[in-house]
Structures are given as structure tokens and as C-alpha cells.
Amino acid sequence: MKNDALRVLLAEVGQTRLVTGVAGFIGSQILETLLHADRRVVGLDNFATGQRGNLETVRRAMNEQRWSRFRFMGNELYADVFRRAYALSTIGLRYFNVFGPRQDPSGAYAAVIPRWVGNLLRGDACIMNGDGETRRDVCFVDNAVQANVRAALTTSPVAINQVYNVSVGDRTTLNRLFGLVRDGLIARRSADKSLARATPVYRGFQPGDVRHSQADIEKTRTLLGYEPTHDVAAGLAVALDWHASELPGSGWA
């Protein structure tokens, strides 16, 4: 924190602060200031004007301990307010690293697979944070669609007004994910010898990076009848052709 006077002031106030509009231009910078001061922060935002990328920027600027002091709580609580006030039934779905056809390679979230496809076909470097052994629960979009349909159609009283994780319930290292993408392209473009030589370019871990994450989908299975139909490899088999064909000048045949 640059302002020492603010640091002294914050040391005198309570531990937990509420920041509304936390993903906005001003709110995200208030969040960063509070976390640097080791305060606990609860953030609310409906993303009408705020950007998820602003929260990601703050996350990268924090170490894991400081970021753990932040709790984001914007549309699930809002839905619960409507349930209590107007008896409106709702269901919340939390997605984990969804990928598949029509995903924007320049998007801020879950865009590593289309970005790597484009880089490999162009001969550009594929950047990877850390040593590649970070693990993520990577979910093909058909699984997410299934969860949405099941959530929308359920009539079970115990399933309504709940929040569910949506993913595969497994972890894949970034190194394995890169290998699957590269080998999938090689299988489709065997004449392109440069693909076989492609390796990730590693850079340092980013502040606040979570080493391993995995969704607990038991509740989603039990109450919604959800069952993933695609693991990472099966999803990539469907997604790779689409991503490559959408890249201008890729020479995909």
C-alpha cells in the first residue's frame, strides 16, 4: 500500500469490511488496498458494469494467504433474497474451467485450450505459469449444458434453492493438458513436424495462484442426477477441430 496514513487508519478498524461493486473500477482497487492491509473482505457485484477480470488482476497481485481473506458472494445471495421475499425458486451453478466449441480464445476465463491451439498452429510459444504440475478440474461444455438442463427441469423439492459445482470431479495437470492438445493436433496434422517439437514455456508462479483445485460434484450427482459424459480427453476430441478451423490462416485441413 502506497499511502501509509491509510495503513494506519485501516489498522484501527474492524477485521471484515463489505465492498459493494467490488469488481468495478473503484471497488476492485478498494479491495486490493484492504487485502494489502490484511483485512478480511466480503465482496458483492452483479457484473452489470464490473468486470471479472478486475478481480483476477487483484488475485494475481496477492499471495495466497491474503487472497484467502476475500469472499465473493454477488448473484447467489441475490437469488436467495428473491427466494425469501417473493418465493422465487432458484438454483446456482458454479463452473470449473469449462472449455469447448465457440469459446473465445481472447476471453479472460477458461481460454487456455483455444489459446494453446492457436499458438501451436502458428508456431508461437505456449506460456504456462509455474512448473506445469498445477492441477485443474477441466470440464467440457457438454457437461455444463447437462447440468443446466437438469437444474432447469428438476421438480425435486430438495434440489431447488441449492448451489451446485459443475465439473468432472477430477484433476489434470497443465503439463498433461498441454500434451493432450499438442498430440491431438499432431494426430490431425501429421505432416507438420514442428508440432512434435513444441514444448511449454514456463514462467514463475503468479501471486495468489491456487496449486490444485478439484470440484466436489457429489451433491450435483445426488440431487440433480448429473453425470459427466466427457472427460478431458473426450472433450478435446470434439473441441480441437472446431477451434482450429476458426483460426484465420491456420491451414487446417
Protein backbone atom coordinates (compact mmCIF):
# COMPACT_ATOMS: atom_id res chain seq x y z
CA MET A 1 0.00 0.00 0.00
CA LYS A 2 1.47 3.36 -1.01
CA ASN A 3 -0.42 5.52 1.49
CA ASP A 4 0.99 5.00 4.98
CA ALA A 5 -1.79 7.07 6.52
CA LEU A 6 -4.37 4.65 5.10
CA ARG A 7 -2.43 1.72 6.52
CA VAL A 8 -2.55 3.27 9.98
CA LEU A 9 -6.25 4.05 9.60
CA LEU A 10 -7.11 0.54 8.49
CA ALA A 11 -5.21 -0.92 11.43
CA GLU A 12 -7.72 0.78 13.72
CA VAL A 13 -10.90 -0.59 12.12
CA GLY A 14 -12.60 -3.99 12.27
CA GLN A 15 -11.21 -7.02 10.52
CA THR A 16 -14.01 -7.61 7.99
CA ARG A 17 -15.24 -4.99 5.51
CA LEU A 18 -18.06 -5.18 2.95
CA VAL A 19 -17.31 -3.78 -0.53
CA THR A 20 -20.26 -3.43 -2.92
CA GLY A 21 -19.46 -3.18 -6.62
CA VAL A 22 -16.21 -5.00 -5.81
CA ALA A 23 -15.50 -5.91 -9.46
CA GLY A 24 -15.72 -2.32 -10.66
CA PHE A 25 -13.02 0.25 -11.42
CA ILE A 26 -13.08 1.78 -7.94
CA GLY A 27 -14.33 -1.23 -5.96
CA SER A 28 -11.56 -3.56 -7.16
CA GLN A 29 -8.92 -1.05 -6.10
CA ILE A 30 -10.53 -0.68 -2.68
CA LEU A 31 -10.41 -4.48 -2.45
CA GLU A 32 -6.71 -4.51 -3.31
CA THR A 33 -5.96 -1.86 -0.69
CA LEU A 34 -7.86 -3.72 2.02
CA LEU A 35 -6.22 -7.06 1.24
CA HIS A 36 -2.77 -5.48 1.28
CA ALA A 37 -3.66 -4.25 4.76
CA ASP A 38 -4.51 -7.84 5.74
CA ARG A 39 -8.21 -7.05 6.19
CA ARG A 40 -10.95 -9.61 5.54
CA VAL A 41 -13.26 -8.53 2.72
CA VAL A 42 -16.71 -9.66 1.64
CA GLY A 43 -17.43 -8.51 -1.92
CA LEU A 44 -20.73 -8.12 -3.79
CA ASP A 45 -21.19 -7.44 -7.50
CA ASN A 46 -23.77 -8.31 -10.17
CA PHE A 47 -21.31 -7.59 -13.03
CA ALA A 48 -23.66 -5.09 -14.66
CA THR A 49 -20.64 -2.82 -15.12
CA GLY A 50 -17.96 -4.58 -13.07
CA GLN A 51 -15.50 -6.96 -14.73
CA ARG A 52 -14.43 -10.40 -13.57
CA GLY A 53 -11.02 -9.56 -15.00
CA ASN A 54 -10.65 -6.83 -12.36
CA LEU A 55 -10.94 -9.43 -9.62
CA GLU A 56 -8.46 -11.64 -11.45
CA THR A 57 -5.99 -8.74 -11.58
CA VAL A 58 -6.30 -8.27 -7.83
CA ARG A 59 -5.89 -12.01 -7.26
CA ARG A 60 -2.63 -12.04 -9.22
CA ALA A 61 -1.31 -9.20 -7.08
CA MET A 62 -1.90 -11.12 -3.83
CA ASN A 63 -0.19 -14.01 -2.16
CA GLU A 64 -2.38 -16.99 -1.33
CA GLN A 65 -2.82 -16.04 2.31
CA ARG A 66 -4.07 -12.54 1.52
CA TRP A 67 -6.37 -13.71 -1.26
CA SER A 68 -7.91 -16.27 1.10
CA ARG A 69 -9.21 -13.33 3.15
CA PHE A 70 -11.55 -12.37 0.28
CA ARG A 71 -15.01 -13.90 -0.01
CA PHE A 72 -17.08 -13.13 -3.11
CA MET A 73 -20.80 -13.68 -2.57
CA GLY A 74 -22.59 -11.09 -5.91
CA ASN A 75 -25.72 -13.32 -7.64
CA GLU A 76 -26.22 -16.45 -5.33
CA LEU A 77 -27.13 -14.26 -2.38
CA TYR A 78 -29.23 -12.00 -4.60
CA ALA A 79 -31.18 -15.05 -5.77
CA ASP A 80 -31.67 -16.09 -2.16
CA VAL A 81 -33.13 -12.67 -1.37
CA PHE A 82 -35.74 -13.20 -4.10
CA ARG A 83 -36.49 -16.65 -2.71
CA ARG A 84 -37.12 -15.21 0.71
CA ALA A 85 -39.01 -12.12 -0.44
CA TYR A 86 -41.02 -13.43 -3.40
CA ALA A 87 -40.90 -17.25 -3.05
CA LEU A 88 -38.96 -17.44 -6.33
CA SER A 89 -37.25 -20.82 -6.71
CA THR A 90 -33.64 -20.63 -7.87
CA ILE A 91 -30.60 -22.86 -8.42
CA GLY A 92 -26.98 -21.69 -8.58
CA LEU A 93 -24.31 -23.41 -10.70
CA ARG A 94 -20.57 -22.94 -10.13
CA TYR A 95 -18.49 -23.79 -13.21
CA PHE A 96 -14.92 -25.06 -13.09
CA ASN A 97 -12.68 -24.30 -16.13
CA VAL A 98 -15.21 -25.02 -18.88
CA PHE A 99 -13.93 -25.45 -22.45
CA GLY A 100 -15.36 -26.39 -25.84
CA PRO A 101 -16.55 -25.09 -29.22
CA ARG A 102 -17.35 -21.37 -29.54
CA GLN A 103 -15.11 -20.41 -26.62
CA ASP A 104 -13.45 -17.04 -27.14
CA PRO A 105 -9.65 -17.52 -27.23
CA SER A 106 -9.19 -13.94 -26.06
CA GLY A 107 -11.57 -14.28 -23.10
CA ALA A 108 -10.36 -13.80 -19.54
CA TYR A 109 -11.62 -17.15 -18.25
CA ALA A 110 -11.03 -20.79 -19.18
CA ALA A 111 -9.43 -19.85 -22.51
CA VAL A 112 -6.15 -21.70 -22.17
CA ILE A 113 -7.11 -24.54 -24.55
CA PRO A 114 -8.13 -22.41 -27.57
CA ARG A 115 -5.18 -20.11 -26.89
CA TRP A 116 -2.76 -23.03 -26.95
CA VAL A 117 -4.34 -24.42 -30.13
CA GLY A 118 -3.82 -21.10 -31.88
CA ASN A 119 -0.27 -20.72 -30.64
CA LEU A 120 0.74 -24.24 -31.65
CA LEU A 121 -0.68 -23.88 -35.16
CA ARG A 122 1.06 -20.53 -35.61
CA GLY A 123 4.32 -21.72 -34.11
CA ASP A 124 4.05 -19.29 -31.18
CA ALA A 125 5.08 -20.02 -27.61
CA CYS A 126 2.60 -21.59 -25.19
CA ILE A 127 3.10 -19.83 -21.85
CA MET A 128 2.50 -21.80 -18.66
CA ASN A 129 2.62 -20.40 -15.14
CA GLY A 130 4.73 -22.37 -12.66
CA ASP A 131 6.17 -25.80 -13.42
CA GLY A 132 3.13 -27.25 -15.17
CA GLU A 133 2.23 -29.55 -12.29
CA THR A 134 -0.59 -27.27 -11.14
CA ARG A 135 -3.82 -29.25 -11.38
CA ARG A 136 -7.23 -28.09 -12.51
CA ASP A 137 -10.66 -29.67 -12.84
CA VAL A 138 -11.26 -29.11 -16.56
CA CYS A 139 -14.82 -29.51 -17.80
CA PHE A 140 -16.12 -29.97 -21.36
CA VAL A 141 -19.05 -27.71 -22.21
CA ASP A 142 -21.48 -30.60 -22.79
CA ASN A 143 -21.19 -31.41 -19.10
CA ALA A 144 -22.10 -27.83 -18.21
CA VAL A 145 -25.07 -27.93 -20.59
CA GLN A 146 -26.30 -31.14 -18.95
CA ALA A 147 -26.09 -29.56 -15.51
CA ASN A 148 -28.07 -26.52 -16.67
CA VAL A 149 -30.82 -28.62 -18.24
CA ARG A 150 -31.11 -30.87 -15.20
CA ALA A 151 -31.22 -27.83 -12.91
CA ALA A 152 -33.90 -26.16 -15.01
CA LEU A 153 -36.11 -29.26 -15.18
CA THR A 154 -35.81 -30.65 -11.68
CA THR A 155 -39.01 -30.84 -9.67
CA SER A 156 -37.41 -32.29 -6.55
CA PRO A 157 -38.10 -30.02 -3.55
CA VAL A 158 -34.73 -30.89 -2.01
CA ALA A 159 -32.86 -29.98 -5.21
CA ILE A 160 -34.34 -26.48 -5.57
CA ASN A 161 -32.79 -23.43 -3.89
CA GLN A 162 -29.36 -25.08 -3.81
CA VAL A 163 -25.94 -24.26 -5.26
CA TYR A 164 -24.00 -26.90 -7.24
CA ASN A 165 -20.47 -27.40 -8.51
CA VAL A 166 -20.27 -28.25 -12.21
CA SER A 167 -17.19 -30.07 -13.47
CA VAL A 168 -15.77 -33.59 -13.84
CA GLY A 169 -14.61 -34.17 -10.27
CA ASP A 170 -11.05 -34.95 -11.34
CA ARG A 171 -7.75 -33.07 -11.66
CA THR A 172 -5.48 -32.70 -14.69
CA THR A 173 -2.01 -31.15 -14.61
CA LEU A 174 -1.31 -28.33 -17.02
CA ASN A 175 1.55 -30.42 -18.46
CA ARG A 176 -0.84 -33.28 -19.27
CA LEU A 177 -3.38 -30.85 -20.69
CA PHE A 178 -0.73 -29.33 -22.96
CA GLY A 179 0.31 -32.81 -24.08
CA LEU A 180 -3.25 -33.77 -24.94
CA VAL A 181 -3.72 -30.60 -27.00
CA ARG A 182 -0.40 -30.98 -28.82
CA ASP A 183 -0.85 -34.71 -29.50
CA GLY A 184 -4.40 -34.14 -30.69
CA LEU A 185 -3.14 -31.63 -33.24
CA ILE A 186 -0.33 -33.96 -34.30
CA ALA A 187 -2.86 -36.72 -34.96
CA ARG A 188 -4.77 -34.35 -37.23
CA ARG A 189 -1.73 -32.73 -38.87
CA SER A 190 0.84 -35.49 -39.08
CA ALA A 191 2.72 -33.67 -41.83
CA ASP A 192 3.50 -30.72 -39.54
CA LYS A 193 6.74 -31.90 -37.89
CA SER A 194 7.12 -28.72 -35.84
CA LEU A 195 4.22 -29.74 -33.59
CA ALA A 196 6.13 -32.74 -32.25
CA ARG A 197 8.91 -30.43 -31.07
CA ALA A 198 6.61 -27.99 -29.29
CA THR A 199 7.09 -27.64 -25.53
CA PRO A 200 5.61 -25.22 -22.99
CA VAL A 201 7.47 -22.08 -21.97
CA TYR A 202 7.40 -21.95 -18.19
CA ARG A 203 7.34 -18.74 -16.20
CA GLY A 204 7.13 -18.10 -12.48
CA PHE A 205 4.09 -18.79 -10.36
CA GLN A 206 1.73 -15.85 -10.12
CA PRO A 207 0.90 -14.38 -6.69
CA GLY A 208 -2.22 -15.99 -5.31
CA ASP A 209 -2.18 -18.96 -7.70
CA VAL A 210 -4.01 -21.97 -6.28
CA ARG A 211 -1.79 -25.03 -6.71
CA HIS A 212 -4.54 -27.64 -7.03
CA SER A 213 -8.30 -27.37 -7.40
CA GLN A 214 -10.99 -30.00 -7.83
CA ALA A 215 -14.77 -29.76 -7.75
CA ASP A 216 -16.80 -31.83 -5.34
CA ILE A 217 -19.71 -32.88 -7.58
CA GLU A 218 -21.30 -35.45 -5.26
CA LYS A 219 -24.16 -33.10 -4.37
CA THR A 220 -24.74 -32.36 -8.09
CA ARG A 221 -24.87 -36.07 -8.80
CA THR A 222 -27.12 -36.93 -5.87
CA LEU A 223 -29.71 -34.15 -6.13
CA LEU A 224 -29.73 -33.40 -9.86
CA GLY A 225 -28.79 -36.79 -11.31
CA TYR A 226 -25.79 -35.16 -13.03
CA GLU A 227 -23.14 -37.46 -14.51
CA PRO A 228 -20.30 -36.08 -16.69
CA THR A 229 -20.30 -37.60 -20.18
CA HIS A 230 -16.89 -36.26 -21.27
CA ASP A 231 -13.56 -36.37 -19.50
CA VAL A 232 -10.78 -34.06 -20.67
CA ALA A 233 -9.56 -36.31 -23.48
CA ALA A 234 -13.05 -36.98 -24.84
CA GLY A 235 -13.91 -33.29 -24.74
CA LEU A 236 -10.73 -32.32 -26.57
CA ALA A 237 -11.52 -34.82 -29.31
CA VAL A 238 -14.67 -32.83 -30.03
CA ALA A 239 -13.25 -29.34 -29.44
CA LEU A 240 -9.95 -29.39 -31.34
CA ASP A 241 -11.38 -29.43 -34.86
CA TRP A 242 -13.66 -26.51 -34.13
CA HIS A 243 -11.03 -24.32 -32.51
CA ALA A 244 -8.51 -24.92 -35.25
CA SER A 245 -10.99 -24.33 -38.08
CA GLU A 246 -11.98 -21.00 -36.57
CA LEU A 247 -8.44 -19.61 -36.61
CA PRO A 248 -7.78 -17.49 -39.72
CA GLY A 249 -4.84 -18.76 -41.76
CA SER A 250 -4.35 -21.89 -39.71
CA GLY A 251 -4.11 -24.09 -42.78
CA TRP A 252 -6.32 -26.68 -41.12
CA ALA A 253 -7.14 -29.48 -43.47
